[in-house]
């Protein structure tokens, strides 16, 4: 009986993918706070501005969700180089949502960094197990 190959996943890459998924909406809103952009342009700019550390090729689903919820909207249509480009902008509700996401992100990352800074010092030798 022939068995199919099992794909080994890199735990670090899985974590990176999960973190990207969790922060995509915040990143889209952040980029649109800078100026109206179309989705592919946002992905290119994030890649460029982070020197390839953050590469998002799946922003479209986040953009659709944000549009559906009224956090972003079509700001302008342009024809550039024979292509129709739909520039998106952030709405006042999107500004509020961004601020909430950013605050939660900062609370979470600050707590995590504080905990990780205590690596090896949480339970000094000689302390009893609880």
C-alpha atoms as a PDB file:
ATOM      1  CA  UNK A   1       0.000   0.000   0.000  1.00  0.00           C
ATOM      2  CA  UNK A   2       1.435   3.315  -1.090  1.00  0.00           C
ATOM      3  CA  UNK A   3       1.317   6.073   1.476  1.00  0.00           C
ATOM      4  CA  UNK A   4       1.198   9.731   0.542  1.00  0.00           C
ATOM      5  CA  UNK A   5       3.906  12.079   1.648  1.00  0.00           C
ATOM      6  CA  UNK A   6       3.226  13.865   4.867  1.00  0.00           C
ATOM      7  CA  UNK A   7       4.145  17.480   4.698  1.00  0.00           C
ATOM      8  CA  UNK A   8       6.413  18.515   7.533  1.00  0.00           C
ATOM      9  CA  UNK A   9       5.606  21.940   8.812  1.00  0.00           C
ATOM     10  CA  UNK A  10       8.173  24.286  10.213  1.00  0.00           C
ATOM     11  CA  UNK A  11       6.810  25.421  13.601  1.00  0.00           C
ATOM     12  CA  UNK A  12       8.460  28.830  13.267  1.00  0.00           C
ATOM     13  CA  UNK A  13       6.904  29.366   9.829  1.00  0.00           C
ATOM     14  CA  UNK A  14       3.521  28.229  11.145  1.00  0.00           C
ATOM     15  CA  UNK A  15       3.783  30.801  13.921  1.00  0.00           C
ATOM     16  CA  UNK A  16       4.776  33.521  11.439  1.00  0.00           C
ATOM     17  CA  UNK A  17       1.804  32.631   9.238  1.00  0.00           C
ATOM     18  CA  UNK A  18      -0.588  32.723  12.207  1.00  0.00           C
ATOM     19  CA  UNK A  19       0.785  36.090  13.340  1.00  0.00           C
ATOM     20  CA  UNK A  20       0.428  37.514   9.843  1.00  0.00           C
ATOM     21  CA  UNK A  21      -3.159  36.292   9.666  1.00  0.00           C
ATOM     22  CA  UNK A  22      -3.918  37.832  13.058  1.00  0.00           C
ATOM     23  CA  UNK A  23      -2.448  41.217  12.140  1.00  0.00           C
ATOM     24  CA  UNK A  24      -3.493  41.616   8.495  1.00  0.00           C
ATOM     25  CA  UNK A  25      -6.558  43.763   9.198  1.00  0.00           C
ATOM     26  CA  UNK A  26      -4.541  46.061  11.459  1.00  0.00           C
ATOM     27  CA  UNK A  27      -1.873  46.369   8.784  1.00  0.00           C
ATOM     28  CA  UNK A  28      -4.386  47.168   6.015  1.00  0.00           C
ATOM     29  CA  UNK A  29      -5.930  49.893   8.177  1.00  0.00           C
ATOM     30  CA  UNK A  30      -2.483  51.229   9.067  1.00  0.00           C
ATOM     31  CA  UNK A  31      -1.502  51.494   5.400  1.00  0.00           C
ATOM     32  CA  UNK A  32      -4.762  53.220   4.470  1.00  0.00           C
ATOM     33  CA  UNK A  33      -4.215  55.742   7.290  1.00  0.00           C
ATOM     34  CA  UNK A  34      -1.137  56.827   5.311  1.00  0.00           C
ATOM     35  CA  UNK A  35      -2.933  57.363   1.989  1.00  0.00           C
ATOM     36  CA  UNK A  36      -5.533  55.723  -0.280  1.00  0.00           C
ATOM     37  CA  UNK A  37      -4.110  52.640  -2.003  1.00  0.00           C
ATOM     38  CA  UNK A  38      -5.250  49.630  -3.961  1.00  0.00           C
ATOM     39  CA  UNK A  39      -4.772  46.207  -2.407  1.00  0.00           C
ATOM     40  CA  UNK A  40      -1.803  45.009  -4.463  1.00  0.00           C
ATOM     41  CA  UNK A  41      -0.066  48.340  -3.835  1.00  0.00           C
ATOM     42  CA  UNK A  42      -0.490  47.864  -0.061  1.00  0.00           C
ATOM     43  CA  UNK A  43       1.106  44.415  -0.228  1.00  0.00           C
ATOM     44  CA  UNK A  44       4.009  45.764  -2.288  1.00  0.00           C
ATOM     45  CA  UNK A  45       4.554  48.699   0.062  1.00  0.00           C
ATOM     46  CA  UNK A  46       4.566  46.511   3.180  1.00  0.00           C
ATOM     47  CA  UNK A  47       7.112  44.227   1.536  1.00  0.00           C
ATOM     48  CA  UNK A  48       9.252  47.215   0.535  1.00  0.00           C
ATOM     49  CA  UNK A  49       8.971  49.095   3.841  1.00  0.00           C
ATOM     50  CA  UNK A  50       9.864  46.012   5.896  1.00  0.00           C
ATOM     51  CA  UNK A  51      12.628  44.961   3.469  1.00  0.00           C
ATOM     52  CA  UNK A  52      10.849  41.685   2.831  1.00  0.00           C
ATOM     53  CA  UNK A  53      10.390  40.727   6.493  1.00  0.00           C
ATOM     54  CA  UNK A  54       6.615  41.033   6.146  1.00  0.00           C
ATOM     55  CA  UNK A  55       5.293  39.747   2.883  1.00  0.00           C
ATOM     56  CA  UNK A  56       1.515  39.683   2.445  1.00  0.00           C
ATOM     57  CA  UNK A  57       0.136  38.134  -0.680  1.00  0.00           C
ATOM     58  CA  UNK A  58      -3.280  37.430   0.805  1.00  0.00           C
ATOM     59  CA  UNK A  59      -4.559  40.854   1.837  1.00  0.00           C
ATOM     60  CA  UNK A  60      -7.608  40.533  -0.374  1.00  0.00           C
ATOM     61  CA  UNK A  61      -9.703  38.547   2.118  1.00  0.00           C
ATOM     62  CA  UNK A  62      -8.956  41.085   4.867  1.00  0.00           C
ATOM     63  CA  UNK A  63      -9.851  43.925   2.493  1.00  0.00           C
ATOM     64  CA  UNK A  64     -13.188  42.298   1.659  1.00  0.00           C
ATOM     65  CA  UNK A  65     -13.974  41.783   5.370  1.00  0.00           C
ATOM     66  CA  UNK A  66     -13.056  45.371   6.217  1.00  0.00           C
ATOM     67  CA  UNK A  67     -15.191  46.706   3.346  1.00  0.00           C
ATOM     68  CA  UNK A  68     -18.128  44.542   4.385  1.00  0.00           C
ATOM     69  CA  UNK A  69     -17.914  45.903   7.938  1.00  0.00           C
ATOM     70  CA  UNK A  70     -17.680  49.518   6.768  1.00  0.00           C
ATOM     71  CA  UNK A  71     -14.104  50.076   7.955  1.00  0.00           C
ATOM     72  CA  UNK A  72     -12.745  50.863   4.504  1.00  0.00           C
ATOM     73  CA  UNK A  73     -14.403  52.063   1.327  1.00  0.00           C
ATOM     74  CA  UNK A  74     -13.691  52.834  -2.257  1.00  0.00           C
ATOM     75  CA  UNK A  75     -12.050  56.248  -2.367  1.00  0.00           C
ATOM     76  CA  UNK A  76     -11.336  56.599  -6.078  1.00  0.00           C
ATOM     77  CA  UNK A  77     -11.227  54.721  -9.382  1.00  0.00           C
ATOM     78  CA  UNK A  78      -8.397  55.474 -11.798  1.00  0.00           C
ATOM     79  CA  UNK A  79      -7.256  54.084 -15.093  1.00  0.00           C
ATOM     80  CA  UNK A  80      -3.487  53.643 -14.935  1.00  0.00           C
ATOM     81  CA  UNK A  81      -1.459  51.998 -17.676  1.00  0.00           C
ATOM     82  CA  UNK A  82      -4.662  50.647 -19.167  1.00  0.00           C
ATOM     83  CA  UNK A  83      -5.783  49.089 -15.864  1.00  0.00           C
ATOM     84  CA  UNK A  84      -8.634  50.099 -13.637  1.00  0.00           C
ATOM     85  CA  UNK A  85      -7.380  50.705 -10.113  1.00  0.00           C
ATOM     86  CA  UNK A  86      -9.734  50.961  -7.160  1.00  0.00           C
ATOM     87  CA  UNK A  87      -8.137  52.997  -4.411  1.00  0.00           C
ATOM     88  CA  UNK A  88      -9.408  52.300  -0.928  1.00  0.00           C
ATOM     89  CA  UNK A  89      -9.629  54.656   2.008  1.00  0.00           C
ATOM     90  CA  UNK A  90     -10.249  54.224   5.715  1.00  0.00           C
ATOM     91  CA  UNK A  91     -13.582  55.331   7.207  1.00  0.00           C
ATOM     92  CA  UNK A  92     -14.094  56.965  10.628  1.00  0.00           C
ATOM     93  CA  UNK A  93     -15.317  53.564  11.908  1.00  0.00           C
ATOM     94  CA  UNK A  94     -12.135  52.058  10.472  1.00  0.00           C
ATOM     95  CA  UNK A  95     -10.033  54.621  12.357  1.00  0.00           C
ATOM     96  CA  UNK A  96     -11.724  53.572  15.609  1.00  0.00           C
ATOM     97  CA  UNK A  97     -11.326  49.878  14.808  1.00  0.00           C
ATOM     98  CA  UNK A  98      -7.632  50.412  13.989  1.00  0.00           C
ATOM     99  CA  UNK A  99      -7.067  52.156  17.323  1.00  0.00           C
ATOM    100  CA  UNK A 100      -8.746  49.251  19.154  1.00  0.00           C
ATOM    101  CA  UNK A 101      -6.680  46.651  17.283  1.00  0.00           C
ATOM    102  CA  UNK A 102      -3.476  48.592  17.895  1.00  0.00           C
ATOM    103  CA  UNK A 103      -4.195  48.935  21.627  1.00  0.00           C
ATOM    104  CA  UNK A 104      -4.912  45.203  21.972  1.00  0.00           C
ATOM    105  CA  UNK A 105      -1.792  44.354  19.969  1.00  0.00           C
ATOM    106  CA  UNK A 106       0.352  46.563  22.209  1.00  0.00           C
ATOM    107  CA  UNK A 107      -1.103  45.060  25.415  1.00  0.00           C
ATOM    108  CA  UNK A 108      -0.509  41.536  24.135  1.00  0.00           C
ATOM    109  CA  UNK A 109       3.024  42.085  22.826  1.00  0.00           C
ATOM    110  CA  UNK A 110       4.093  44.049  25.924  1.00  0.00           C
ATOM    111  CA  UNK A 111       2.858  41.267  28.221  1.00  0.00           C
ATOM    112  CA  UNK A 112       4.514  38.598  26.091  1.00  0.00           C
ATOM    113  CA  UNK A 113       7.830  40.485  25.919  1.00  0.00           C
ATOM    114  CA  UNK A 114       7.734  41.002  29.698  1.00  0.00           C
ATOM    115  CA  UNK A 115       7.172  37.311  30.275  1.00  0.00           C
ATOM    116  CA  UNK A 116       9.880  36.235  27.825  1.00  0.00           C
ATOM    117  CA  UNK A 117      12.350  38.628  29.485  1.00  0.00           C
ATOM    118  CA  UNK A 118      11.971  36.553  32.644  1.00  0.00           C
ATOM    119  CA  UNK A 119      13.137  33.360  30.942  1.00  0.00           C
ATOM    120  CA  UNK A 120      15.149  31.287  33.397  1.00  0.00           C
ATOM    121  CA  UNK A 121      14.255  33.549  36.326  1.00  0.00           C
ATOM    122  CA  UNK A 122      10.630  32.617  36.938  1.00  0.00           C
ATOM    123  CA  UNK A 123      11.307  29.731  39.255  1.00  0.00           C
ATOM    124  CA  UNK A 124      14.662  30.047  41.022  1.00  0.00           C
ATOM    125  CA  UNK A 125      16.398  26.864  42.091  1.00  0.00           C
ATOM    126  CA  UNK A 126      15.123  25.491  45.352  1.00  0.00           C
ATOM    127  CA  UNK A 127      11.530  26.686  44.948  1.00  0.00           C
ATOM    128  CA  UNK A 128       8.934  24.007  45.444  1.00  0.00           C
ATOM    129  CA  UNK A 129       6.689  22.794  42.647  1.00  0.00           C
ATOM    130  CA  UNK A 130       3.165  24.111  42.924  1.00  0.00           C
END
